[in-house]
Amino acid sequence: MARWLETVTAPATHVVWFENSAHLCMFEEPGKFLVSLVTHALPHAVAAGESKTPAM
């Protein structure tokens, strides 16, 4: 995984490891999946103008 990630060309990369999931982490660990998206992906979407910051 680390060697593959080094080949990725992107503004940012981050690995979230789902230890208790097989192929469907969004169903097997939905809380961790959602927190990971909000924490790591949403800031990039907001910065790119693709989304508005959600009301908390």
PDB file of N, CA and C in Angstrom:
ATOM      1  N   MET A   1       0.821  -1.186   0.000  1.00  0.00           N
ATOM      2  CA  MET A   1       0.000   0.000   0.000  1.00  0.00           C
ATOM      3  C   MET A   1       0.864   1.248   0.000  1.00  0.00           C
ATOM      4  N   ALA A   2       1.860   1.313   0.828  1.00  0.00           N
ATOM      5  CA  ALA A   2       2.695   2.506   0.912  1.00  0.00           C
ATOM      6  C   ALA A   2       3.418   2.767  -0.407  1.00  0.00           C
ATOM      7  N   ARG A   3       3.880   1.717  -1.072  1.00  0.00           N
ATOM      8  CA  ARG A   3       4.576   1.901  -2.358  1.00  0.00           C
ATOM      9  C   ARG A   3       3.618   2.425  -3.415  1.00  0.00           C
ATOM     10  N   TRP A   4       2.385   1.919  -3.432  1.00  0.00           N
ATOM     11  CA  TRP A   4       1.395   2.403  -4.383  1.00  0.00           C
ATOM     12  C   TRP A   4       1.059   3.865  -4.115  1.00  0.00           C
ATOM     13  N   LEU A   5       0.881   4.220  -2.850  1.00  0.00           N
ATOM     14  CA  LEU A   5       0.521   5.588  -2.487  1.00  0.00           C
ATOM     15  C   LEU A   5       1.597   6.575  -2.922  1.00  0.00           C
ATOM     16  N   GLU A   6       2.841   6.162  -2.911  1.00  0.00           N
ATOM     17  CA  GLU A   6       3.935   7.028  -3.349  1.00  0.00           C
ATOM     18  C   GLU A   6       3.835   7.362  -4.840  1.00  0.00           C
ATOM     19  N   THR A   7       3.141   6.542  -5.604  1.00  0.00           N
ATOM     20  CA  THR A   7       3.007   6.788  -7.043  1.00  0.00           C
ATOM     21  C   THR A   7       1.823   7.680  -7.384  1.00  0.00           C
ATOM     22  N   VAL A   8       0.961   7.947  -6.428  1.00  0.00           N
ATOM     23  CA  VAL A   8      -0.234   8.754  -6.663  1.00  0.00           C
ATOM     24  C   VAL A   8       0.149  10.228  -6.766  1.00  0.00           C
ATOM     25  N   THR A   9      -0.317  10.858  -7.833  1.00  0.00           N
ATOM     26  CA  THR A   9      -0.108  12.292  -7.999  1.00  0.00           C
ATOM     27  C   THR A   9      -1.414  12.988  -7.643  1.00  0.00           C
ATOM     28  N   ALA A  10      -1.416  13.671  -6.525  1.00  0.00           N
ATOM     29  CA  ALA A  10      -2.622  14.343  -6.043  1.00  0.00           C
ATOM     30  C   ALA A  10      -2.206  15.476  -5.119  1.00  0.00           C
ATOM     31  N   PRO A  11      -3.092  16.459  -4.928  1.00  0.00           N
ATOM     32  CA  PRO A  11      -2.766  17.561  -4.012  1.00  0.00           C
ATOM     33  C   PRO A  11      -2.487  17.076  -2.594  1.00  0.00           C
ATOM     34  N   ALA A  12      -3.163  16.006  -2.184  1.00  0.00           N
ATOM     35  CA  ALA A  12      -2.948  15.452  -0.842  1.00  0.00           C
ATOM     36  C   ALA A  12      -3.366  13.989  -0.849  1.00  0.00           C
ATOM     37  N   THR A  13      -2.755  13.218   0.017  1.00  0.00           N
ATOM     38  CA  THR A  13      -3.150  11.821   0.190  1.00  0.00           C
ATOM     39  C   THR A  13      -3.230  11.521   1.678  1.00  0.00           C
ATOM     40  N   HIS A  14      -4.072  10.571   2.017  1.00  0.00           N
ATOM     41  CA  HIS A  14      -4.210  10.150   3.407  1.00  0.00           C
ATOM     42  C   HIS A  14      -4.784   8.735   3.399  1.00  0.00           C
ATOM     43  N   VAL A  15      -4.244   7.875   4.205  1.00  0.00           N
ATOM     44  CA  VAL A  15      -4.731   6.501   4.303  1.00  0.00           C
ATOM     45  C   VAL A  15      -5.526   6.352   5.588  1.00  0.00           C
ATOM     46  N   VAL A  16      -6.699   5.781   5.468  1.00  0.00           N
ATOM     47  CA  VAL A  16      -7.499   5.415   6.637  1.00  0.00           C
ATOM     48  C   VAL A  16      -7.641   3.905   6.584  1.00  0.00           C
ATOM     49  N   TRP A  17      -7.190   3.225   7.610  1.00  0.00           N
ATOM     50  CA  TRP A  17      -7.204   1.774   7.638  1.00  0.00           C
ATOM     51  C   TRP A  17      -8.459   1.308   8.377  1.00  0.00           C
ATOM     52  N   PHE A  18      -9.265   0.499   7.721  1.00  0.00           N
ATOM     53  CA  PHE A  18     -10.474  -0.061   8.315  1.00  0.00           C
ATOM     54  C   PHE A  18     -10.179  -1.501   8.711  1.00  0.00           C
ATOM     55  N   GLU A  19      -9.789  -1.692   9.961  1.00  0.00           N
ATOM     56  CA  GLU A  19      -9.351  -2.996  10.440  1.00  0.00           C
ATOM     57  C   GLU A  19     -10.476  -4.019  10.537  1.00  0.00           C
ATOM     58  N   ASN A  20     -11.703  -3.555  10.705  1.00  0.00           N
ATOM     59  CA  ASN A  20     -12.822  -4.475  10.914  1.00  0.00           C
ATOM     60  C   ASN A  20     -13.722  -4.581   9.685  1.00  0.00           C
ATOM     61  N   SER A  21     -13.166  -4.341   8.517  1.00  0.00           N
ATOM     62  CA  SER A  21     -13.941  -4.382   7.287  1.00  0.00           C
ATOM     63  C   SER A  21     -13.242  -5.239   6.239  1.00  0.00           C
ATOM     64  N   ALA A  22     -14.042  -5.710   5.311  1.00  0.00           N
ATOM     65  CA  ALA A  22     -13.492  -6.450   4.178  1.00  0.00           C
ATOM     66  C   ALA A  22     -13.540  -5.535   2.957  1.00  0.00           C
ATOM     67  N   HIS A  23     -14.580  -5.651   2.140  1.00  0.00           N
ATOM     68  CA  HIS A  23     -14.672  -4.875   0.907  1.00  0.00           C
ATOM     69  C   HIS A  23     -15.661  -3.726   0.998  1.00  0.00           C
ATOM     70  N   LEU A  24     -16.510  -3.725   1.982  1.00  0.00           N
ATOM     71  CA  LEU A  24     -17.564  -2.722   2.057  1.00  0.00           C
ATOM     72  C   LEU A  24     -17.474  -1.915   3.354  1.00  0.00           C
ATOM     73  N   CYS A  25     -16.389  -1.192   3.502  1.00  0.00           N
ATOM     74  CA  CYS A  25     -16.154  -0.458   4.755  1.00  0.00           C
ATOM     75  C   CYS A  25     -17.260   0.540   5.054  1.00  0.00           C
ATOM     76  N   MET A  26     -17.900   1.091   4.019  1.00  0.00           N
ATOM     77  CA  MET A  26     -18.960   2.062   4.269  1.00  0.00           C
ATOM     78  C   MET A  26     -20.175   1.430   4.943  1.00  0.00           C
ATOM     79  N   PHE A  27     -20.341   0.111   4.806  1.00  0.00           N
ATOM     80  CA  PHE A  27     -21.435  -0.593   5.472  1.00  0.00           C
ATOM     81  C   PHE A  27     -20.970  -1.293   6.744  1.00  0.00           C
ATOM     82  N   GLU A  28     -19.732  -1.725   6.772  1.00  0.00           N
ATOM     83  CA  GLU A  28     -19.215  -2.484   7.909  1.00  0.00           C
ATOM     84  C   GLU A  28     -18.710  -1.590   9.032  1.00  0.00           C
ATOM     85  N   GLU A  29     -18.252  -0.402   8.713  1.00  0.00           N
ATOM     86  CA  GLU A  29     -17.814   0.571   9.713  1.00  0.00           C
ATOM     87  C   GLU A  29     -18.323   1.953   9.307  1.00  0.00           C
ATOM     88  N   PRO A  30     -19.659   2.131   9.286  1.00  0.00           N
ATOM     89  CA  PRO A  30     -20.220   3.383   8.762  1.00  0.00           C
ATOM     90  C   PRO A  30     -19.804   4.630   9.542  1.00  0.00           C
ATOM     91  N   GLY A  31     -19.681   4.531  10.835  1.00  0.00           N
ATOM     92  CA  GLY A  31     -19.285   5.693  11.633  1.00  0.00           C
ATOM     93  C   GLY A  31     -17.878   6.153  11.293  1.00  0.00           C
ATOM     94  N   LYS A  32     -16.956   5.225  11.258  1.00  0.00           N
ATOM     95  CA  LYS A  32     -15.569   5.557  10.937  1.00  0.00           C
ATOM     96  C   LYS A  32     -15.465   6.072   9.505  1.00  0.00           C
ATOM     97  N   PHE A  33     -16.251   5.484   8.593  1.00  0.00           N
ATOM     98  CA  PHE A  33     -16.240   5.918   7.202  1.00  0.00           C
ATOM     99  C   PHE A  33     -16.701   7.369   7.086  1.00  0.00           C
ATOM    100  N   LEU A  34     -17.810   7.695   7.749  1.00  0.00           N
ATOM    101  CA  LEU A  34     -18.338   9.058   7.695  1.00  0.00           C
ATOM    102  C   LEU A  34     -17.377  10.060   8.329  1.00  0.00           C
ATOM    103  N   VAL A  35     -16.843   9.723   9.479  1.00  0.00           N
ATOM    104  CA  VAL A  35     -15.891  10.619  10.142  1.00  0.00           C
ATOM    105  C   VAL A  35     -14.662  10.829   9.263  1.00  0.00           C
ATOM    106  N   SER A  36     -14.200   9.789   8.605  1.00  0.00           N
ATOM    107  CA  SER A  36     -13.041   9.898   7.719  1.00  0.00           C
ATOM    108  C   SER A  36     -13.332  10.824   6.545  1.00  0.00           C
ATOM    109  N   LEU A  37     -14.519  10.699   5.946  1.00  0.00           N
ATOM    110  CA  LEU A  37     -14.884  11.585   4.840  1.00  0.00           C
ATOM    111  C   LEU A  37     -14.958  13.040   5.285  1.00  0.00           C
ATOM    112  N   VAL A  38     -15.607  13.278   6.410  1.00  0.00           N
ATOM    113  CA  VAL A  38     -15.755  14.652   6.907  1.00  0.00           C
ATOM    114  C   VAL A  38     -14.400  15.236   7.293  1.00  0.00           C
ATOM    115  N   THR A  39     -13.567  14.427   7.902  1.00  0.00           N
ATOM    116  CA  THR A  39     -12.267  14.899   8.368  1.00  0.00           C
ATOM    117  C   THR A  39     -11.270  15.110   7.237  1.00  0.00           C
ATOM    118  N   HIS A  40     -11.223  14.172   6.295  1.00  0.00           N
ATOM    119  CA  HIS A  40     -10.152  14.192   5.294  1.00  0.00           C
ATOM    120  C   HIS A  40     -10.587  14.648   3.906  1.00  0.00           C
ATOM    121  N   ALA A  41     -11.804  14.357   3.495  1.00  0.00           N
ATOM    122  CA  ALA A  41     -12.231  14.691   2.129  1.00  0.00           C
ATOM    123  C   ALA A  41     -12.983  16.013   2.047  1.00  0.00           C
ATOM    124  N   LEU A  42     -13.851  16.281   3.000  1.00  0.00           N
ATOM    125  CA  LEU A  42     -14.657  17.502   2.946  1.00  0.00           C
ATOM    126  C   LEU A  42     -13.828  18.776   2.863  1.00  0.00           C
ATOM    127  N   PRO A  43     -12.745  18.914   3.636  1.00  0.00           N
ATOM    128  CA  PRO A  43     -11.960  20.149   3.504  1.00  0.00           C
ATOM    129  C   PRO A  43     -11.436  20.383   2.086  1.00  0.00           C
ATOM    130  N   HIS A  44     -11.088  19.332   1.381  1.00  0.00           N
ATOM    131  CA  HIS A  44     -10.604  19.473   0.006  1.00  0.00           C
ATOM    132  C   HIS A  44     -11.743  19.867  -0.930  1.00  0.00           C
ATOM    133  N   ALA A  45     -12.924  19.303  -0.714  1.00  0.00           N
ATOM    134  CA  ALA A  45     -14.087  19.650  -1.525  1.00  0.00           C
ATOM    135  C   ALA A  45     -14.475  21.103  -1.315  1.00  0.00           C
ATOM    136  N   VAL A  46     -14.457  21.559  -0.065  1.00  0.00           N
ATOM    137  CA  VAL A  46     -14.793  22.946   0.232  1.00  0.00           C
ATOM    138  C   VAL A  46     -13.767  23.879  -0.398  1.00  0.00           C
ATOM    139  N   ALA A  47     -12.497  23.536  -0.280  1.00  0.00           N
ATOM    140  CA  ALA A  47     -11.441  24.384  -0.852  1.00  0.00           C
ATOM    141  C   ALA A  47     -11.550  24.458  -2.370  1.00  0.00           C
ATOM    142  N   ALA A  48     -12.036  23.398  -2.987  1.00  0.00           N
ATOM    143  CA  ALA A  48     -12.167  23.369  -4.444  1.00  0.00           C
ATOM    144  C   ALA A  48     -13.469  24.000  -4.915  1.00  0.00           C
ATOM    145  N   GLY A  49     -14.312  24.405  -3.958  1.00  0.00           N
ATOM    146  CA  GLY A  49     -15.562  25.021  -4.310  1.00  0.00           C
ATOM    147  C   GLY A  49     -16.652  24.041  -4.684  1.00  0.00           C
ATOM    148  N   GLU A  50     -16.451  22.757  -4.369  1.00  0.00           N
ATOM    149  CA  GLU A  50     -17.414  21.717  -4.715  1.00  0.00           C
ATOM    150  C   GLU A  50     -18.497  21.549  -3.658  1.00  0.00           C
ATOM    151  N   SER A  51     -18.290  22.103  -2.507  1.00  0.00           N
ATOM    152  CA  SER A  51     -19.241  21.900  -1.423  1.00  0.00           C
ATOM    153  C   SER A  51     -19.184  23.108  -0.504  1.00  0.00           C
ATOM    154  N   LYS A  52     -20.230  23.310   0.252  1.00  0.00           N
ATOM    155  CA  LYS A  52     -20.252  24.343   1.259  1.00  0.00           C
ATOM    156  C   LYS A  52     -19.989  23.690   2.603  1.00  0.00           C
ATOM    157  N   THR A  53     -19.391  24.431   3.508  1.00  0.00           N
ATOM    158  CA  THR A  53     -19.147  23.904   4.841  1.00  0.00           C
ATOM    159  C   THR A  53     -20.489  23.634   5.501  1.00  0.00           C
ATOM    160  N   PRO A  54     -20.693  22.431   6.025  1.00  0.00           N
ATOM    161  CA  PRO A  54     -21.988  22.115   6.635  1.00  0.00           C
ATOM    162  C   PRO A  54     -22.220  22.901   7.917  1.00  0.00           C
ATOM    163  N   ALA A  55     -23.468  23.218   8.171  1.00  0.00           N
ATOM    164  CA  ALA A  55     -23.834  23.906   9.418  1.00  0.00           C
ATOM    165  C   ALA A  55     -23.686  22.924  10.558  1.00  0.00           C
ATOM    166  N   MET A  56     -23.038  23.326  11.597  1.00  0.00           N
ATOM    167  CA  MET A  56     -22.862  22.452  12.766  1.00  0.00           C
ATOM    168  C   MET A  56     -23.776  22.889  13.872  1.00  0.00           C
TER     169      MET A  56
END
